[in-house]
Amino acid sequence: MSDHFTPSAKNKLEIHLWWITACLIAINVGLFAWQVMQGMDISQPSTLDAIGWGADYAPLSYLSEPFRLFSSMFFHFGLVHLMLNMWALYLFGHIAEQLFGRLYFIGLYLLAGLMGSLLSGYISIQDTYELIQLGQPEASLYPSVGAGASGAVMGLGAALTVLSLFPALPQQRFILDKKTLLMVMGINLVMGFTISGINNAAHIGGMLMGAILVVIWYASQKTSKASIGLIMGLMIGTALCYGFYLYNLHLVAEIEPLWKELAQWVGENQR
């Protein structure tokens, strides 16, 4: 019999069924605790602290330190930011891990997070083009620092939401509550567009990747060679991220002088 799932459902912990989700939560919480013990402000880390701990800052991420596109998924701007993301990771993750299988789940999570970083970088690039055309300083157009697991988490949420729109598979363990999932994801998007300081590009990028990968997963489950379909899904997701990264690098070439100045300023202030 299939279990019924809504994002607010209270299920028994049964961590052995979703231990990768539990590990992701533990890693994020552990890193945050370590950062606080090293002197970082627990409620509102400084921008330089965020960059020092691996947050995504486009001039650094694209000119010299591409690892930030990944490491930024594991830094959070304060305890509240961490708690909200970890609660959402639990709600979506413990279901998604059991539905998609551990390998596809962790692949979807990381690829959604990367796509979120990449779309955020693309927006920063476009803002810099606009800044140069404007010919005068405009604070809102300078690259901002981004971090958090929300892009990856929104990828999980989008995957579950899209899956809820399809007829349930015969072997599908959970029957997903379509109305609740659509409402939760819609509220998150609206908040991203209306509340300043939320990196909605990362949310949308993660959601797009989650939607693409769940469609591939669903189609693969209807074939006799589902494992091959899953591998192809992860390969397609990886190719999309890499292609988007190369495209962003191509766009950066024209704004490289300005971004080098910004990256140099950050480096000097971190010393």
C-alpha atoms as a PDB file:
ATOM      1  CA  MET A   1       0.000   0.000   0.000  1.00  0.00           C
ATOM      2  CA  SER A   2       1.253   3.479  -0.815  1.00  0.00           C
ATOM      3  CA  ASP A   3       1.760   6.032   1.933  1.00  0.00           C
ATOM      4  CA  HIS A   4       0.181   9.478   1.595  1.00  0.00           C
ATOM      5  CA  PHE A   5       2.600  12.392   1.813  1.00  0.00           C
ATOM      6  CA  THR A   6       2.164  16.109   2.335  1.00  0.00           C
ATOM      7  CA  PRO A   7       5.022  18.467   3.317  1.00  0.00           C
ATOM      8  CA  SER A   8       3.552  18.729   6.813  1.00  0.00           C
ATOM      9  CA  ALA A   9       2.997  15.011   7.371  1.00  0.00           C
ATOM     10  CA  LYS A  10       4.358  13.583  10.636  1.00  0.00           C
ATOM     11  CA  ASN A  11       6.023  10.279   9.794  1.00  0.00           C
ATOM     12  CA  LYS A  12       8.098   8.035  12.025  1.00  0.00           C
ATOM     13  CA  LEU A  13      11.748   8.948  11.760  1.00  0.00           C
ATOM     14  CA  GLU A  14      13.055   5.605  10.387  1.00  0.00           C
ATOM     15  CA  ILE A  15      16.354   7.288   9.545  1.00  0.00           C
ATOM     16  CA  HIS A  16      17.714   4.106   7.956  1.00  0.00           C
ATOM     17  CA  LEU A  17      15.324   4.781   5.055  1.00  0.00           C
ATOM     18  CA  TRP A  18      16.636   8.289   4.401  1.00  0.00           C
ATOM     19  CA  TRP A  19      20.127   8.323   5.858  1.00  0.00           C
ATOM     20  CA  ILE A  20      21.632  10.384   3.026  1.00  0.00           C
ATOM     21  CA  THR A  21      19.176  13.184   3.807  1.00  0.00           C
ATOM     22  CA  ALA A  22      20.139  12.854   7.472  1.00  0.00           C
ATOM     23  CA  CYS A  23      23.839  13.046   6.536  1.00  0.00           C
ATOM     24  CA  LEU A  24      23.259  16.185   4.443  1.00  0.00           C
ATOM     25  CA  ILE A  25      21.485  17.812   7.378  1.00  0.00           C
ATOM     26  CA  ALA A  26      24.273  16.755   9.760  1.00  0.00           C
ATOM     27  CA  ILE A  27      26.965  18.110   7.413  1.00  0.00           C
ATOM     28  CA  ASN A  28      25.242  21.484   7.085  1.00  0.00           C
ATOM     29  CA  VAL A  29      24.615  21.772  10.832  1.00  0.00           C
ATOM     30  CA  GLY A  30      28.127  20.575  11.685  1.00  0.00           C
ATOM     31  CA  LEU A  31      29.767  23.049   9.311  1.00  0.00           C
ATOM     32  CA  PHE A  32      27.672  25.893  10.671  1.00  0.00           C
ATOM     33  CA  ALA A  33      28.602  24.975  14.265  1.00  0.00           C
ATOM     34  CA  TRP A  34      32.293  24.874  13.296  1.00  0.00           C
ATOM     35  CA  GLN A  35      32.056  28.267  11.596  1.00  0.00           C
ATOM     36  CA  VAL A  36      30.437  29.785  14.692  1.00  0.00           C
ATOM     37  CA  MET A  37      33.151  28.276  16.919  1.00  0.00           C
ATOM     38  CA  GLN A  38      35.713  29.962  14.659  1.00  0.00           C
ATOM     39  CA  GLY A  39      34.175  33.351  15.420  1.00  0.00           C
ATOM     40  CA  MET A  40      31.473  33.782  12.785  1.00  0.00           C
ATOM     41  CA  ASP A  41      28.358  35.701  13.878  1.00  0.00           C
ATOM     42  CA  ILE A  42      25.630  33.126  14.533  1.00  0.00           C
ATOM     43  CA  SER A  43      22.745  35.358  13.452  1.00  0.00           C
ATOM     44  CA  GLN A  44      24.181  37.550  10.698  1.00  0.00           C
ATOM     45  CA  PRO A  45      27.555  36.530   9.237  1.00  0.00           C
ATOM     46  CA  SER A  46      29.456  39.282   7.482  1.00  0.00           C
ATOM     47  CA  THR A  47      29.846  39.242   3.717  1.00  0.00           C
ATOM     48  CA  LEU A  48      33.595  38.706   4.047  1.00  0.00           C
ATOM     49  CA  ASP A  49      33.014  35.791   6.440  1.00  0.00           C
ATOM     50  CA  ALA A  50      30.619  34.271   3.927  1.00  0.00           C
ATOM     51  CA  ILE A  51      33.183  34.565   1.134  1.00  0.00           C
ATOM     52  CA  GLY A  52      35.883  33.211   3.422  1.00  0.00           C
ATOM     53  CA  TRP A  53      33.802  30.099   4.098  1.00  0.00           C
ATOM     54  CA  GLY A  54      33.091  29.388   0.423  1.00  0.00           C
ATOM     55  CA  ALA A  55      29.985  31.393  -0.487  1.00  0.00           C
ATOM     56  CA  ASP A  56      29.332  32.113  -4.161  1.00  0.00           C
ATOM     57  CA  TYR A  57      30.632  35.462  -5.355  1.00  0.00           C
ATOM     58  CA  ALA A  58      30.487  35.512  -9.153  1.00  0.00           C
ATOM     59  CA  PRO A  59      33.753  37.419  -9.839  1.00  0.00           C
ATOM     60  CA  LEU A  60      35.632  34.825  -7.773  1.00  0.00           C
ATOM     61  CA  SER A  61      33.570  31.832  -8.885  1.00  0.00           C
ATOM     62  CA  TYR A  62      34.132  32.488 -12.586  1.00  0.00           C
ATOM     63  CA  LEU A  63      37.601  34.007 -12.620  1.00  0.00           C
ATOM     64  CA  SER A  64      39.543  31.821 -10.212  1.00  0.00           C
ATOM     65  CA  GLU A  65      37.508  29.728  -7.760  1.00  0.00           C
ATOM     66  CA  PRO A  66      34.771  27.687  -9.491  1.00  0.00           C
ATOM     67  CA  PHE A  67      34.503  25.406  -6.432  1.00  0.00           C
ATOM     68  CA  ARG A  68      32.316  28.136  -4.888  1.00  0.00           C
ATOM     69  CA  LEU A  69      29.461  27.082  -7.162  1.00  0.00           C
ATOM     70  CA  PHE A  70      29.420  23.874  -5.103  1.00  0.00           C
ATOM     71  CA  SER A  71      30.700  24.931  -1.677  1.00  0.00           C
ATOM     72  CA  SER A  72      28.105  27.713  -1.410  1.00  0.00           C
ATOM     73  CA  MET A  73      25.447  25.012  -0.942  1.00  0.00           C
ATOM     74  CA  PHE A  74      26.914  24.299   2.495  1.00  0.00           C
ATOM     75  CA  PHE A  75      27.131  27.833   3.914  1.00  0.00           C
ATOM     76  CA  HIS A  76      24.178  29.646   5.517  1.00  0.00           C
ATOM     77  CA  PHE A  77      23.587  33.266   6.450  1.00  0.00           C
ATOM     78  CA  GLY A  78      22.755  32.740  10.099  1.00  0.00           C
ATOM     79  CA  LEU A  79      20.912  30.252  12.288  1.00  0.00           C
ATOM     80  CA  VAL A  80      17.425  31.090  10.986  1.00  0.00           C
ATOM     81  CA  HIS A  81      18.534  30.585   7.371  1.00  0.00           C
ATOM     82  CA  LEU A  82      20.063  27.233   8.319  1.00  0.00           C
ATOM     83  CA  MET A  83      17.014  26.032  10.268  1.00  0.00           C
ATOM     84  CA  LEU A  84      14.546  26.920   7.500  1.00  0.00           C
ATOM     85  CA  ASN A  85      16.596  25.147   4.856  1.00  0.00           C
ATOM     86  CA  MET A  86      17.236  22.067   6.998  1.00  0.00           C
ATOM     87  CA  TRP A  87      13.552  21.753   7.880  1.00  0.00           C
ATOM     88  CA  ALA A  88      12.650  21.946   4.179  1.00  0.00           C
ATOM     89  CA  LEU A  89      15.441  19.469   3.366  1.00  0.00           C
ATOM     90  CA  TYR A  90      13.951  17.017   5.849  1.00  0.00           C
ATOM     91  CA  LEU A  91      10.386  17.466   4.580  1.00  0.00           C
ATOM     92  CA  PHE A  92      11.284  16.985   0.921  1.00  0.00           C
ATOM     93  CA  GLY A  93      14.411  14.877   1.274  1.00  0.00           C
ATOM     94  CA  HIS A  94      13.180  11.982   3.380  1.00  0.00           C
ATOM     95  CA  ILE A  95      10.433  11.359   0.823  1.00  0.00           C
ATOM     96  CA  ALA A  96      12.486  12.028  -2.324  1.00  0.00           C
ATOM     97  CA  GLU A  97      15.298   9.725  -1.197  1.00  0.00           C
ATOM     98  CA  GLN A  98      12.896   6.805  -0.793  1.00  0.00           C
ATOM     99  CA  LEU A  99      11.081   7.548  -4.070  1.00  0.00           C
ATOM    100  CA  PHE A 100      14.046   8.119  -6.375  1.00  0.00           C
ATOM    101  CA  GLY A 101      16.665   5.909  -4.756  1.00  0.00           C
ATOM    102  CA  ARG A 102      19.795   7.152  -3.028  1.00  0.00           C
ATOM    103  CA  LEU A 103      22.036   7.605  -6.083  1.00  0.00           C
ATOM    104  CA  TYR A 104      19.492   9.554  -8.108  1.00  0.00           C
ATOM    105  CA  PHE A 105      18.449  11.522  -5.038  1.00  0.00           C
ATOM    106  CA  ILE A 106      21.948  12.787  -4.212  1.00  0.00           C
ATOM    107  CA  GLY A 107      22.615  13.466  -7.900  1.00  0.00           C
ATOM    108  CA  LEU A 108      19.406  15.480  -8.202  1.00  0.00           C
ATOM    109  CA  TYR A 109      20.173  17.402  -5.007  1.00  0.00           C
ATOM    110  CA  LEU A 110      23.702  18.400  -6.054  1.00  0.00           C
ATOM    111  CA  LEU A 111      22.826  19.149  -9.683  1.00  0.00           C
ATOM    112  CA  ALA A 112      19.864  21.302  -8.619  1.00  0.00           C
ATOM    113  CA  GLY A 113      22.139  23.214  -6.253  1.00  0.00           C
ATOM    114  CA  LEU A 114      24.723  23.729  -9.001  1.00  0.00           C
ATOM    115  CA  MET A 115      22.101  24.879 -11.492  1.00  0.00           C
ATOM    116  CA  GLY A 116      20.868  27.355  -8.890  1.00  0.00           C
ATOM    117  CA  SER A 117      24.385  28.759  -8.539  1.00  0.00           C
ATOM    118  CA  LEU A 118      24.815  28.902 -12.306  1.00  0.00           C
ATOM    119  CA  LEU A 119      21.552  30.763 -12.933  1.00  0.00           C
ATOM    120  CA  SER A 120      22.430  33.154 -10.120  1.00  0.00           C
ATOM    121  CA  GLY A 121      25.801  33.736 -11.802  1.00  0.00           C
ATOM    122  CA  TYR A 122      24.094  34.377 -15.134  1.00  0.00           C
ATOM    123  CA  ILE A 123      21.908  37.054 -13.528  1.00  0.00           C
ATOM    124  CA  SER A 124      25.019  38.653 -11.994  1.00  0.00           C
ATOM    125  CA  ILE A 125      26.645  38.713 -15.426  1.00  0.00           C
ATOM    126  CA  GLN A 126      23.615  40.386 -17.007  1.00  0.00           C
ATOM    127  CA  ASP A 127      23.479  42.915 -14.165  1.00  0.00           C
ATOM    128  CA  THR A 128      27.144  43.768 -14.743  1.00  0.00           C
ATOM    129  CA  TYR A 129      26.499  44.321 -18.457  1.00  0.00           C
ATOM    130  CA  GLU A 130      23.716  46.697 -17.483  1.00  0.00           C
ATOM    131  CA  LEU A 131      25.989  48.423 -14.962  1.00  0.00           C
ATOM    132  CA  ILE A 132      28.636  49.041 -17.630  1.00  0.00           C
ATOM    133  CA  GLN A 133      26.050  50.391 -20.060  1.00  0.00           C
ATOM    134  CA  LEU A 134      24.679  52.673 -17.351  1.00  0.00           C
ATOM    135  CA  GLY A 135      28.112  54.212 -16.901  1.00  0.00           C
ATOM    136  CA  GLN A 136      27.681  55.078 -13.238  1.00  0.00           C
ATOM    137  CA  PRO A 137      27.652  53.175  -9.919  1.00  0.00           C
ATOM    138  CA  GLU A 138      24.396  51.399  -9.042  1.00  0.00           C
ATOM    139  CA  ALA A 139      24.536  49.256  -5.916  1.00  0.00           C
ATOM    140  CA  SER A 140      21.740  46.906  -6.999  1.00  0.00           C
ATOM    141  CA  LEU A 141      23.665  45.891 -10.131  1.00  0.00           C
ATOM    142  CA  TYR A 142      26.918  44.844  -8.468  1.00  0.00           C
ATOM    143  CA  PRO A 143      27.421  41.092  -7.936  1.00  0.00           C
ATOM    144  CA  SER A 144      26.069  39.891  -4.588  1.00  0.00           C
ATOM    145  CA  VAL A 145      27.191  37.035  -2.373  1.00  0.00           C
ATOM    146  CA  GLY A 146      24.968  33.966  -2.450  1.00  0.00           C
ATOM    147  CA  ALA A 147      24.870  30.826  -0.353  1.00  0.00           C
ATOM    148  CA  GLY A 148      22.593  28.222   1.150  1.00  0.00           C
ATOM    149  CA  ALA A 149      21.017  24.869   0.355  1.00  0.00           C
ATOM    150  CA  SER A 150      17.785  26.417  -0.896  1.00  0.00           C
ATOM    151  CA  GLY A 151      18.527  25.887  -4.604  1.00  0.00           C
ATOM    152  CA  ALA A 152      19.120  22.184  -4.014  1.00  0.00           C
ATOM    153  CA  VAL A 153      16.133  21.917  -1.669  1.00  0.00           C
ATOM    154  CA  MET A 154      13.861  23.687  -4.149  1.00  0.00           C
ATOM    155  CA  GLY A 155      15.045  21.184  -6.739  1.00  0.00           C
ATOM    156  CA  LEU A 156      13.741  18.390  -4.519  1.00  0.00           C
ATOM    157  CA  GLY A 157      10.485  20.260  -3.960  1.00  0.00           C
ATOM    158  CA  ALA A 158      10.016  20.845  -7.679  1.00  0.00           C
ATOM    159  CA  ALA A 159      10.747  17.195  -8.427  1.00  0.00           C
ATOM    160  CA  LEU A 160       8.071  16.044  -5.980  1.00  0.00           C
ATOM    161  CA  THR A 161       5.620  18.668  -7.266  1.00  0.00           C
ATOM    162  CA  VAL A 162       6.070  17.669 -10.914  1.00  0.00           C
ATOM    163  CA  LEU A 163       5.813  14.001  -9.968  1.00  0.00           C
ATOM    164  CA  SER A 164       2.515  14.702  -8.208  1.00  0.00           C
ATOM    165  CA  LEU A 165       1.072  15.931 -11.526  1.00  0.00           C
ATOM    166  CA  PHE A 166       1.641  12.542 -13.188  1.00  0.00           C
ATOM    167  CA  PRO A 167      -0.410   9.370 -12.663  1.00  0.00           C
ATOM    168  CA  ALA A 168       1.116   7.388  -9.785  1.00  0.00           C
ATOM    169  CA  LEU A 169       3.361   4.515 -10.804  1.00  0.00           C
ATOM    170  CA  PRO A 170       2.303   1.007  -9.758  1.00  0.00           C
ATOM    171  CA  GLN A 171       5.400   0.643  -7.536  1.00  0.00           C
ATOM    172  CA  GLN A 172       5.306   4.221  -6.216  1.00  0.00           C
ATOM    173  CA  ARG A 173       5.435   4.132  -2.423  1.00  0.00           C
ATOM    174  CA  PHE A 174       4.079   7.619  -1.717  1.00  0.00           C
ATOM    175  CA  ILE A 175       0.973   9.277  -3.098  1.00  0.00           C
ATOM    176  CA  LEU A 176       1.899  12.959  -3.262  1.00  0.00           C
ATOM    177  CA  ASP A 177      -0.509  15.751  -2.317  1.00  0.00           C
ATOM    178  CA  LYS A 178      -0.546  17.863  -5.489  1.00  0.00           C
ATOM    179  CA  LYS A 179      -2.453  20.847  -4.085  1.00  0.00           C
ATOM    180  CA  THR A 180      -0.249  21.195  -1.008  1.00  0.00           C
ATOM    181  CA  LEU A 181       2.985  20.863  -2.966  1.00  0.00           C
ATOM    182  CA  LEU A 182       1.882  23.442  -5.543  1.00  0.00           C
ATOM    183  CA  MET A 183       0.911  25.821  -2.764  1.00  0.00           C
ATOM    184  CA  VAL A 184       4.201  25.406  -0.896  1.00  0.00           C
ATOM    185  CA  MET A 185       6.315  25.903  -4.020  1.00  0.00           C
ATOM    186  CA  GLY A 186       4.172  28.846  -5.147  1.00  0.00           C
ATOM    187  CA  ILE A 187       4.515  30.578  -1.785  1.00  0.00           C
ATOM    188  CA  ASN A 188       8.291  30.148  -1.934  1.00  0.00           C
ATOM    189  CA  LEU A 189       8.450  31.689  -5.392  1.00  0.00           C
ATOM    190  CA  VAL A 190       6.241  34.630  -4.431  1.00  0.00           C
ATOM    191  CA  MET A 191       8.365  35.266  -1.326  1.00  0.00           C
ATOM    192  CA  GLY A 192      11.467  35.214  -3.503  1.00  0.00           C
ATOM    193  CA  PHE A 193      10.061  37.887  -5.796  1.00  0.00           C
ATOM    194  CA  THR A 194       8.688  40.129  -3.043  1.00  0.00           C
ATOM    195  CA  ILE A 195      11.193  39.885  -0.161  1.00  0.00           C
ATOM    196  CA  SER A 196      14.585  41.517  -0.633  1.00  0.00           C
ATOM    197  CA  GLY A 197      17.685  39.469   0.089  1.00  0.00           C
ATOM    198  CA  ILE A 198      16.312  36.171  -1.270  1.00  0.00           C
ATOM    199  CA  ASN A 199      18.250  34.717  -4.195  1.00  0.00           C
ATOM    200  CA  ASN A 200      15.276  33.696  -6.313  1.00  0.00           C
ATOM    201  CA  ALA A 201      17.495  32.886  -9.301  1.00  0.00           C
ATOM    202  CA  ALA A 202      19.041  30.063  -7.273  1.00  0.00           C
ATOM    203  CA  HIS A 203      15.557  28.824  -6.359  1.00  0.00           C
ATOM    204  CA  ILE A 204      14.375  28.876  -9.978  1.00  0.00           C
ATOM    205  CA  GLY A 205      17.551  27.235 -11.261  1.00  0.00           C
ATOM    206  CA  GLY A 206      17.197  24.444  -8.732  1.00  0.00           C
ATOM    207  CA  MET A 207      13.532  23.992  -9.574  1.00  0.00           C
ATOM    208  CA  LEU A 208      14.230  23.732 -13.300  1.00  0.00           C
ATOM    209  CA  MET A 209      16.850  21.044 -12.772  1.00  0.00           C
ATOM    210  CA  GLY A 210      14.589  19.161 -10.377  1.00  0.00           C
ATOM    211  CA  ALA A 211      11.750  19.247 -12.900  1.00  0.00           C
ATOM    212  CA  ILE A 212      13.950  18.008 -15.765  1.00  0.00           C
ATOM    213  CA  LEU A 213      15.444  15.150 -13.764  1.00  0.00           C
ATOM    214  CA  VAL A 214      12.127  13.942 -12.355  1.00  0.00           C
ATOM    215  CA  VAL A 215      10.602  13.784 -15.851  1.00  0.00           C
ATOM    216  CA  ILE A 216      13.538  11.593 -16.929  1.00  0.00           C
ATOM    217  CA  TRP A 217      13.161   9.487 -13.776  1.00  0.00           C
ATOM    218  CA  TYR A 218       9.428   9.010 -14.351  1.00  0.00           C
ATOM    219  CA  ALA A 219       9.943   8.008 -17.986  1.00  0.00           C
ATOM    220  CA  SER A 220      12.704   5.559 -17.010  1.00  0.00           C
ATOM    221  CA  GLN A 221      10.397   3.816 -14.535  1.00  0.00           C
ATOM    222  CA  LYS A 222       8.089   2.875 -17.401  1.00  0.00           C
ATOM    223  CA  THR A 223      10.834   0.998 -19.247  1.00  0.00           C
ATOM    224  CA  SER A 224      12.438  -2.384 -18.661  1.00  0.00           C
ATOM    225  CA  LYS A 225      15.864  -0.770 -18.224  1.00  0.00           C
ATOM    226  CA  ALA A 226      15.194   1.832 -15.556  1.00  0.00           C
ATOM    227  CA  SER A 227      18.787   1.858 -14.293  1.00  0.00           C
ATOM    228  CA  ILE A 228      20.088   2.952 -17.703  1.00  0.00           C
ATOM    229  CA  GLY A 229      17.526   5.746 -17.779  1.00  0.00           C
ATOM    230  CA  LEU A 230      18.649   6.930 -14.350  1.00  0.00           C
ATOM    231  CA  ILE A 231      22.287   7.049 -15.419  1.00  0.00           C
ATOM    232  CA  MET A 232      21.330   8.950 -18.560  1.00  0.00           C
ATOM    233  CA  GLY A 233      19.305  11.391 -16.449  1.00  0.00           C
ATOM    234  CA  LEU A 234      22.290  12.209 -14.249  1.00  0.00           C
ATOM    235  CA  MET A 235      24.526  12.502 -17.320  1.00  0.00           C
ATOM    236  CA  ILE A 236      22.072  14.910 -18.964  1.00  0.00           C
ATOM    237  CA  GLY A 237      21.873  16.974 -15.771  1.00  0.00           C
ATOM    238  CA  THR A 238      25.665  17.100 -15.541  1.00  0.00           C
ATOM    239  CA  ALA A 239      25.955  18.099 -19.213  1.00  0.00           C
ATOM    240  CA  LEU A 240      23.403  20.884 -18.757  1.00  0.00           C
ATOM    241  CA  CYS A 241      25.315  22.285 -15.788  1.00  0.00           C
ATOM    242  CA  TYR A 242      28.660  22.086 -17.557  1.00  0.00           C
ATOM    243  CA  GLY A 243      27.268  23.655 -20.726  1.00  0.00           C
ATOM    244  CA  PHE A 244      25.695  26.498 -18.748  1.00  0.00           C
ATOM    245  CA  TYR A 245      28.994  27.032 -16.914  1.00  0.00           C
ATOM    246  CA  LEU A 246      30.890  27.297 -20.199  1.00  0.00           C
ATOM    247  CA  TYR A 247      28.289  29.708 -21.573  1.00  0.00           C
ATOM    248  CA  ASN A 248      28.632  31.916 -18.510  1.00  0.00           C
ATOM    249  CA  LEU A 249      32.413  31.847 -18.868  1.00  0.00           C
ATOM    250  CA  HIS A 250      32.022  33.032 -22.454  1.00  0.00           C
ATOM    251  CA  LEU A 251      29.853  35.947 -21.310  1.00  0.00           C
ATOM    252  CA  VAL A 252      32.308  36.872 -18.546  1.00  0.00           C
ATOM    253  CA  ALA A 253      35.080  37.585 -21.059  1.00  0.00           C
ATOM    254  CA  GLU A 254      33.682  41.049 -21.858  1.00  0.00           C
ATOM    255  CA  ILE A 255      33.292  42.098 -18.217  1.00  0.00           C
ATOM    256  CA  GLU A 256      36.467  40.471 -16.915  1.00  0.00           C
ATOM    257  CA  PRO A 257      38.373  43.736 -16.208  1.00  0.00           C
ATOM    258  CA  LEU A 258      35.661  45.031 -13.864  1.00  0.00           C
ATOM    259  CA  TRP A 259      35.216  41.672 -12.170  1.00  0.00           C
ATOM    260  CA  LYS A 260      38.977  41.393 -11.631  1.00  0.00           C
ATOM    261  CA  GLU A 261      38.881  44.713  -9.781  1.00  0.00           C
ATOM    262  CA  LEU A 262      36.006  43.506  -7.605  1.00  0.00           C
ATOM    263  CA  ALA A 263      37.738  40.200  -6.880  1.00  0.00           C
ATOM    264  CA  GLN A 264      40.969  42.029  -6.015  1.00  0.00           C
ATOM    265  CA  TRP A 265      39.091  44.328  -3.626  1.00  0.00           C
ATOM    266  CA  VAL A 266      37.577  41.328  -1.856  1.00  0.00           C
ATOM    267  CA  GLY A 267      40.982  39.661  -1.604  1.00  0.00           C
ATOM    268  CA  GLU A 268      42.579  42.766  -0.091  1.00  0.00           C
ATOM    269  CA  ASN A 269      39.818  43.139   2.521  1.00  0.00           C
ATOM    270  CA  GLN A 270      40.056  39.501   3.592  1.00  0.00           C
ATOM    271  CA  ARG A 271      43.686  39.812   4.611  1.00  0.00           C
END
